[in-house]
Amino acid sequence: MRPLQISADTAQKLAKSLNVPLEQIMHMPQHILIAKLTELNSKENTDKKD
């Protein structure tokens, strides 16, 4: 499996928002990263509604 094709800046922002190490972001399978981003997005939307 090859590393994700994202910039270093994007990887740093994702690591911070998902609260995981940068190395884990770079080697995370794409489908898992998308699932985590979807979960984060839905949580943010729920927090905004309250």
Protein backbone atom coordinates (compact mmCIF):
# COMPACT_ATOMS: atom_id res chain seq x y z
CA MET A 1 0.00 0.00 0.00
CA ARG A 2 1.42 3.38 -0.93
CA PRO A 3 1.14 6.53 1.22
CA LEU A 4 -1.76 8.90 0.63
CA GLN A 5 -1.23 11.50 -2.07
CA ILE A 6 -1.86 14.55 0.12
CA SER A 7 0.31 17.52 0.97
CA ALA A 8 2.27 17.74 4.20
CA ASP A 9 0.12 20.68 5.31
CA THR A 10 -3.08 18.72 4.74
CA ALA A 11 -1.67 15.72 6.59
CA GLN A 12 -0.76 17.91 9.57
CA LYS A 13 -4.24 19.44 9.69
CA LEU A 14 -5.87 16.00 9.47
CA ALA A 15 -3.63 14.61 12.22
CA LYS A 16 -4.54 17.50 14.48
CA SER A 17 -8.28 17.34 13.80
CA LEU A 18 -8.46 13.53 14.09
CA ASN A 19 -6.06 13.51 17.06
CA VAL A 20 -3.78 10.84 15.59
CA PRO A 21 -0.01 10.84 14.85
CA LEU A 22 1.06 12.25 11.50
CA GLU A 23 2.68 8.95 10.48
CA GLN A 24 -0.61 7.17 11.02
CA ILE A 25 -2.40 9.61 8.70
CA MET A 26 0.14 9.10 5.92
CA HIS A 27 -0.18 5.30 6.04
CA MET A 28 -3.91 5.09 6.75
CA PRO A 29 -5.93 3.36 4.04
CA GLN A 30 -7.95 5.87 2.06
CA HIS A 31 -11.34 4.30 2.86
CA ILE A 32 -10.65 4.48 6.60
CA LEU A 33 -9.53 8.11 6.35
CA ILE A 34 -12.71 9.00 4.47
CA ALA A 35 -14.82 7.25 7.10
CA LYS A 36 -13.06 9.16 9.90
CA LEU A 37 -13.51 12.47 8.08
CA THR A 38 -17.20 11.73 7.57
CA GLU A 39 -17.55 10.94 11.26
CA LEU A 40 -15.74 14.15 12.20
CA ASN A 41 -17.90 16.18 9.84
CA SER A 42 -21.14 14.76 11.19
CA LYS A 43 -19.97 15.43 14.76
CA GLU A 44 -19.18 19.05 13.89
CA ASN A 45 -22.58 19.48 12.24
CA THR A 46 -24.29 18.07 15.31
CA ASP A 47 -22.34 20.41 17.58
CA LYS A 48 -23.35 23.43 15.46
CA LYS A 49 -27.05 22.54 15.71
CA ASP A 50 -27.00 22.53 19.53
